[in-house]
């Protein structure tokens, strides 16, 4: 399975919410139409512990790596997240890392 994006991201988000912390992910964002996914071999997850879930997280069904997420309800700006940990080593060097306190949401 592959995930393709058109360019380097503007920044990397390092979120401390329970999901991101447990998955060990950091995220880069793109317009949904810019995230091209070969969806063969993927499965997905929607959190059931939230009163109103807002995204679907995808992972490779072969290796289990979380690949990306897509919104399941309207959000502004519309975007999709790609797991920055899956980029080639060095591909994201020099990009700003923004700490987000998702645990307090």
N, C-alpha and C. Protein backbone atom coordinates (compact mmCIF):
# COMPACT_ATOMS: atom_id res chain seq x y z
N UNK A 1 0.84 -1.17 0.00
CA UNK A 1 0.00 0.00 0.00
C UNK A 1 0.88 1.23 0.00
N UNK A 2 0.41 2.29 -0.60
CA UNK A 2 1.18 3.53 -0.68
C UNK A 2 0.29 4.73 -0.40
N UNK A 3 0.91 5.75 0.16
CA UNK A 3 0.28 7.05 0.36
C UNK A 3 1.19 8.06 -0.32
N UNK A 4 0.63 8.88 -1.21
CA UNK A 4 1.41 9.89 -1.92
C UNK A 4 0.88 11.28 -1.62
N UNK A 5 1.80 12.22 -1.47
CA UNK A 5 1.45 13.63 -1.24
C UNK A 5 2.25 14.48 -2.23
N UNK A 6 1.76 15.68 -2.56
CA UNK A 6 2.37 16.46 -3.64
C UNK A 6 3.63 17.25 -3.28
N UNK A 7 3.90 17.43 -1.99
CA UNK A 7 5.01 18.30 -1.60
C UNK A 7 5.34 18.07 -0.12
N UNK A 8 6.44 18.69 0.31
CA UNK A 8 6.76 18.66 1.74
C UNK A 8 5.70 19.45 2.49
N UNK A 9 5.38 19.05 3.71
CA UNK A 9 4.36 19.76 4.48
C UNK A 9 4.88 21.08 5.01
N UNK A 10 3.96 21.94 5.42
CA UNK A 10 4.32 23.23 6.01
C UNK A 10 4.87 23.06 7.43
N UNK A 11 4.35 22.08 8.16
CA UNK A 11 4.78 21.81 9.53
C UNK A 11 4.37 20.40 9.91
N UNK A 12 4.90 19.93 11.02
CA UNK A 12 4.58 18.62 11.58
C UNK A 12 3.87 18.86 12.91
N UNK A 13 2.77 18.16 13.14
CA UNK A 13 2.05 18.28 14.41
C UNK A 13 2.41 17.11 15.31
N UNK A 14 2.84 17.43 16.52
CA UNK A 14 3.12 16.44 17.55
C UNK A 14 2.07 16.63 18.64
N UNK A 15 1.04 15.79 18.61
CA UNK A 15 -0.12 15.92 19.50
C UNK A 15 0.01 14.95 20.67
N UNK A 16 -0.42 15.39 21.85
CA UNK A 16 -0.33 14.54 23.03
C UNK A 16 -1.67 13.93 23.44
N UNK A 17 -2.66 13.92 22.53
CA UNK A 17 -3.94 13.29 22.87
C UNK A 17 -3.73 11.79 23.08
N UNK A 18 -4.71 11.14 23.67
CA UNK A 18 -4.55 9.72 23.99
C UNK A 18 -4.34 8.87 22.74
N UNK A 19 -5.02 9.19 21.64
CA UNK A 19 -4.87 8.39 20.43
C UNK A 19 -3.48 8.56 19.82
N UNK A 20 -3.06 9.79 19.61
CA UNK A 20 -1.75 10.03 18.99
C UNK A 20 -0.62 9.48 19.85
N UNK A 21 -0.75 9.62 21.16
CA UNK A 21 0.27 9.11 22.07
C UNK A 21 0.36 7.59 21.99
N UNK A 22 -0.78 6.92 22.00
CA UNK A 22 -0.78 5.46 21.95
C UNK A 22 -0.31 4.93 20.61
N UNK A 23 -0.64 5.65 19.53
CA UNK A 23 -0.22 5.21 18.20
C UNK A 23 1.23 5.57 17.89
N UNK A 24 1.78 6.54 18.61
CA UNK A 24 3.15 6.98 18.34
C UNK A 24 3.27 7.77 17.05
N UNK A 25 2.22 8.50 16.71
CA UNK A 25 2.19 9.23 15.44
C UNK A 25 2.49 10.71 15.62
N UNK A 26 3.01 11.30 14.58
CA UNK A 26 3.00 12.74 14.38
C UNK A 26 2.38 12.94 13.01
N UNK A 27 1.81 14.12 12.75
CA UNK A 27 0.97 14.28 11.56
C UNK A 27 1.41 15.45 10.70
N UNK A 28 1.23 15.28 9.40
CA UNK A 28 1.35 16.37 8.44
C UNK A 28 0.03 16.44 7.70
N UNK A 29 -0.35 17.65 7.29
CA UNK A 29 -1.70 17.86 6.76
C UNK A 29 -1.67 18.34 5.32
N UNK A 30 -2.69 17.90 4.58
CA UNK A 30 -2.87 18.28 3.18
C UNK A 30 -4.36 18.39 2.91
N UNK A 31 -4.70 19.04 1.81
CA UNK A 31 -6.09 19.02 1.35
C UNK A 31 -6.45 17.57 1.05
N UNK A 32 -7.67 17.15 1.37
CA UNK A 32 -8.03 15.74 1.18
C UNK A 32 -7.76 15.22 -0.23
N UNK A 33 -8.00 16.05 -1.23
CA UNK A 33 -7.80 15.60 -2.61
C UNK A 33 -6.32 15.45 -2.97
N UNK A 34 -5.42 15.99 -2.15
CA UNK A 34 -3.98 15.88 -2.41
C UNK A 34 -3.35 14.62 -1.81
N UNK A 35 -4.10 13.91 -0.98
CA UNK A 35 -3.59 12.67 -0.38
C UNK A 35 -4.10 11.51 -1.22
N UNK A 36 -3.19 10.91 -1.98
CA UNK A 36 -3.54 9.81 -2.88
C UNK A 36 -3.15 8.50 -2.20
N UNK A 37 -4.12 7.63 -2.04
CA UNK A 37 -3.90 6.39 -1.30
C UNK A 37 -4.28 5.20 -2.16
N UNK A 38 -3.36 4.25 -2.25
CA UNK A 38 -3.69 2.93 -2.80
C UNK A 38 -4.29 2.17 -1.63
N UNK A 39 -5.59 2.03 -1.64
CA UNK A 39 -6.29 1.52 -0.45
C UNK A 39 -6.34 0.00 -0.36
N UNK A 40 -5.65 -0.71 -1.25
CA UNK A 40 -5.57 -2.16 -1.11
C UNK A 40 -4.78 -2.49 0.14
N UNK A 41 -5.32 -3.35 0.96
CA UNK A 41 -4.60 -3.77 2.16
C UNK A 41 -4.73 -2.82 3.34
N UNK A 42 -5.76 -2.00 3.35
CA UNK A 42 -5.98 -1.09 4.48
C UNK A 42 -7.17 -1.55 5.30
N UNK A 43 -7.12 -1.27 6.58
CA UNK A 43 -8.33 -1.32 7.38
C UNK A 43 -8.40 -0.02 8.16
N UNK A 44 -9.51 0.20 8.86
CA UNK A 44 -9.68 1.51 9.49
C UNK A 44 -10.34 1.39 10.86
N UNK A 45 -10.32 2.51 11.57
CA UNK A 45 -10.79 2.57 12.95
C UNK A 45 -11.43 3.93 13.19
N UNK A 46 -12.59 3.92 13.85
CA UNK A 46 -13.23 5.16 14.31
C UNK A 46 -13.38 5.01 15.82
N UNK A 47 -12.89 6.00 16.56
CA UNK A 47 -12.96 5.93 18.02
C UNK A 47 -14.41 5.81 18.49
N UNK A 48 -14.65 4.90 19.41
CA UNK A 48 -15.99 4.72 19.97
C UNK A 48 -16.12 5.36 21.35
N UNK A 49 -15.03 5.91 21.87
CA UNK A 49 -15.07 6.50 23.20
C UNK A 49 -15.41 7.99 23.18
N UNK A 50 -15.62 8.55 22.00
CA UNK A 50 -15.97 9.97 21.88
C UNK A 50 -17.46 10.13 21.66
N UNK A 51 -18.03 11.18 22.19
CA UNK A 51 -19.45 11.45 21.98
C UNK A 51 -19.74 11.67 20.50
N UNK A 52 -18.81 12.32 19.82
CA UNK A 52 -18.98 12.58 18.39
C UNK A 52 -17.64 12.40 17.69
N UNK A 53 -17.46 11.24 17.07
CA UNK A 53 -16.21 10.97 16.35
C UNK A 53 -16.11 11.89 15.14
N UNK A 54 -14.89 12.28 14.79
CA UNK A 54 -14.72 13.21 13.68
C UNK A 54 -13.74 12.73 12.62
N UNK A 55 -13.03 11.62 12.88
CA UNK A 55 -12.13 11.13 11.85
C UNK A 55 -12.04 9.61 11.87
N UNK A 56 -11.62 9.08 10.73
CA UNK A 56 -11.37 7.65 10.56
C UNK A 56 -9.87 7.48 10.36
N UNK A 57 -9.26 6.65 11.19
CA UNK A 57 -7.83 6.39 11.11
C UNK A 57 -7.61 5.10 10.32
N UNK A 58 -6.67 5.14 9.38
CA UNK A 58 -6.38 3.98 8.53
C UNK A 58 -5.02 3.39 8.89
N UNK A 59 -4.91 2.07 8.70
CA UNK A 59 -3.64 1.40 8.92
C UNK A 59 -3.45 0.31 7.89
N UNK A 60 -2.20 -0.06 7.69
CA UNK A 60 -1.86 -1.15 6.78
C UNK A 60 -2.28 -2.46 7.44
N UNK A 61 -3.08 -3.25 6.73
CA UNK A 61 -3.55 -4.51 7.29
C UNK A 61 -2.43 -5.55 7.35
N UNK A 62 -1.34 -5.33 6.64
CA UNK A 62 -0.22 -6.27 6.64
C UNK A 62 0.72 -6.02 7.82
N UNK A 63 1.19 -4.78 7.97
CA UNK A 63 2.19 -4.49 9.01
C UNK A 63 1.62 -3.77 10.23
N UNK A 64 0.41 -3.22 10.12
CA UNK A 64 -0.23 -2.55 11.25
C UNK A 64 0.12 -1.08 11.42
N UNK A 65 1.00 -0.54 10.58
CA UNK A 65 1.37 0.88 10.71
C UNK A 65 0.19 1.79 10.38
N UNK A 66 -0.03 2.78 11.24
CA UNK A 66 -1.07 3.78 10.97
C UNK A 66 -0.55 4.66 9.84
N UNK A 67 -1.35 4.82 8.79
CA UNK A 67 -0.91 5.53 7.59
C UNK A 67 -1.44 6.95 7.50
N UNK A 68 -2.75 7.11 7.76
CA UNK A 68 -3.35 8.43 7.56
C UNK A 68 -4.73 8.46 8.22
N UNK A 69 -5.32 9.64 8.19
CA UNK A 69 -6.71 9.76 8.64
C UNK A 69 -7.48 10.65 7.67
N UNK A 70 -8.79 10.44 7.67
CA UNK A 70 -9.70 11.25 6.87
C UNK A 70 -10.86 11.68 7.76
N UNK A 71 -11.35 12.89 7.53
CA UNK A 71 -12.49 13.41 8.29
C UNK A 71 -13.76 12.67 7.91
N UNK A 72 -14.63 12.45 8.89
CA UNK A 72 -15.92 11.82 8.62
C UNK A 72 -17.07 12.78 8.87
N UNK A 73 -16.75 14.02 9.23
CA UNK A 73 -17.77 15.06 9.33
C UNK A 73 -17.11 16.38 8.93
N UNK A 74 -17.90 17.38 8.59
CA UNK A 74 -17.34 18.65 8.11
C UNK A 74 -16.40 19.30 9.13
N UNK A 75 -15.35 19.88 8.62
CA UNK A 75 -14.36 20.58 9.43
C UNK A 75 -13.72 21.65 8.55
N UNK A 76 -13.42 22.78 9.13
CA UNK A 76 -12.74 23.85 8.39
C UNK A 76 -11.38 24.12 9.01
N UNK A 77 -10.34 24.15 8.24
CA UNK A 77 -10.33 23.85 6.82
C UNK A 77 -10.39 22.34 6.60
N UNK A 78 -10.96 21.92 5.47
CA UNK A 78 -10.96 20.48 5.17
C UNK A 78 -9.51 20.01 5.02
N UNK A 79 -9.19 18.88 5.63
CA UNK A 79 -7.83 18.37 5.51
C UNK A 79 -7.79 16.88 5.80
N UNK A 80 -6.68 16.29 5.46
CA UNK A 80 -6.40 14.89 5.77
C UNK A 80 -5.02 14.85 6.42
N UNK A 81 -4.83 13.93 7.34
CA UNK A 81 -3.55 13.79 8.02
C UNK A 81 -2.79 12.57 7.53
N UNK A 82 -1.49 12.71 7.38
CA UNK A 82 -0.62 11.60 6.99
C UNK A 82 0.42 11.42 8.11
N UNK A 83 0.66 10.19 8.48
CA UNK A 83 1.60 9.88 9.55
C UNK A 83 3.02 10.27 9.13
N UNK A 84 3.57 11.29 9.75
CA UNK A 84 4.90 11.78 9.39
C UNK A 84 6.00 10.76 9.69
N UNK A 85 5.73 9.81 10.58
CA UNK A 85 6.74 8.80 10.92
C UNK A 85 7.03 7.86 9.76
N UNK A 86 6.17 7.84 8.75
CA UNK A 86 6.34 6.91 7.63
C UNK A 86 7.10 7.51 6.45
N UNK A 87 7.46 8.78 6.52
CA UNK A 87 8.26 9.39 5.45
C UNK A 87 9.67 8.80 5.49
N UNK A 88 10.34 8.84 4.36
CA UNK A 88 11.72 8.36 4.30
C UNK A 88 12.60 9.15 5.26
N UNK A 89 13.62 8.52 5.86
CA UNK A 89 14.52 9.24 6.76
C UNK A 89 15.10 10.49 6.07
N UNK A 90 15.05 11.60 6.78
CA UNK A 90 15.59 12.85 6.26
C UNK A 90 14.63 13.66 5.41
N UNK A 91 13.53 13.06 4.97
CA UNK A 91 12.60 13.76 4.06
C UNK A 91 11.95 14.97 4.71
N UNK A 92 11.81 14.96 6.02
CA UNK A 92 11.16 16.06 6.72
C UNK A 92 12.13 16.89 7.55
N UNK A 93 13.42 16.69 7.35
CA UNK A 93 14.42 17.47 8.09
C UNK A 93 14.20 18.96 7.87
N UNK A 94 14.29 19.73 8.96
CA UNK A 94 14.18 21.18 8.88
C UNK A 94 12.77 21.72 8.93
N UNK A 95 11.78 20.86 8.97
CA UNK A 95 10.39 21.31 9.02
C UNK A 95 10.00 21.56 10.48
N UNK A 96 9.32 22.67 10.72
CA UNK A 96 8.89 23.05 12.06
C UNK A 96 8.00 21.97 12.67
N UNK A 97 8.24 21.66 13.95
CA UNK A 97 7.39 20.74 14.70
C UNK A 97 6.56 21.56 15.67
N UNK A 98 5.24 21.44 15.57
CA UNK A 98 4.33 22.17 16.46
C UNK A 98 3.75 21.21 17.49
N UNK A 99 3.93 21.54 18.75
CA UNK A 99 3.36 20.76 19.85
C UNK A 99 1.90 21.18 20.03
N UNK A 100 1.01 20.20 20.08
CA UNK A 100 -0.42 20.47 20.26
C UNK A 100 -0.90 19.76 21.51
N UNK A 101 -1.60 20.48 22.38
CA UNK A 101 -2.13 19.89 23.61
C UNK A 101 -3.51 19.30 23.36
N UNK A 102 -3.56 18.20 22.63
CA UNK A 102 -4.82 17.52 22.36
C UNK A 102 -5.41 16.83 23.57
N UNK A 103 -4.60 16.58 24.57
CA UNK A 103 -5.09 15.92 25.78
C UNK A 103 -6.10 16.79 26.52
N UNK A 104 -6.02 18.11 26.35
CA UNK A 104 -6.91 19.04 27.06
C UNK A 104 -8.22 19.31 26.31
N UNK A 105 -8.39 18.76 25.12
CA UNK A 105 -9.61 19.03 24.35
C UNK A 105 -10.81 18.42 25.01
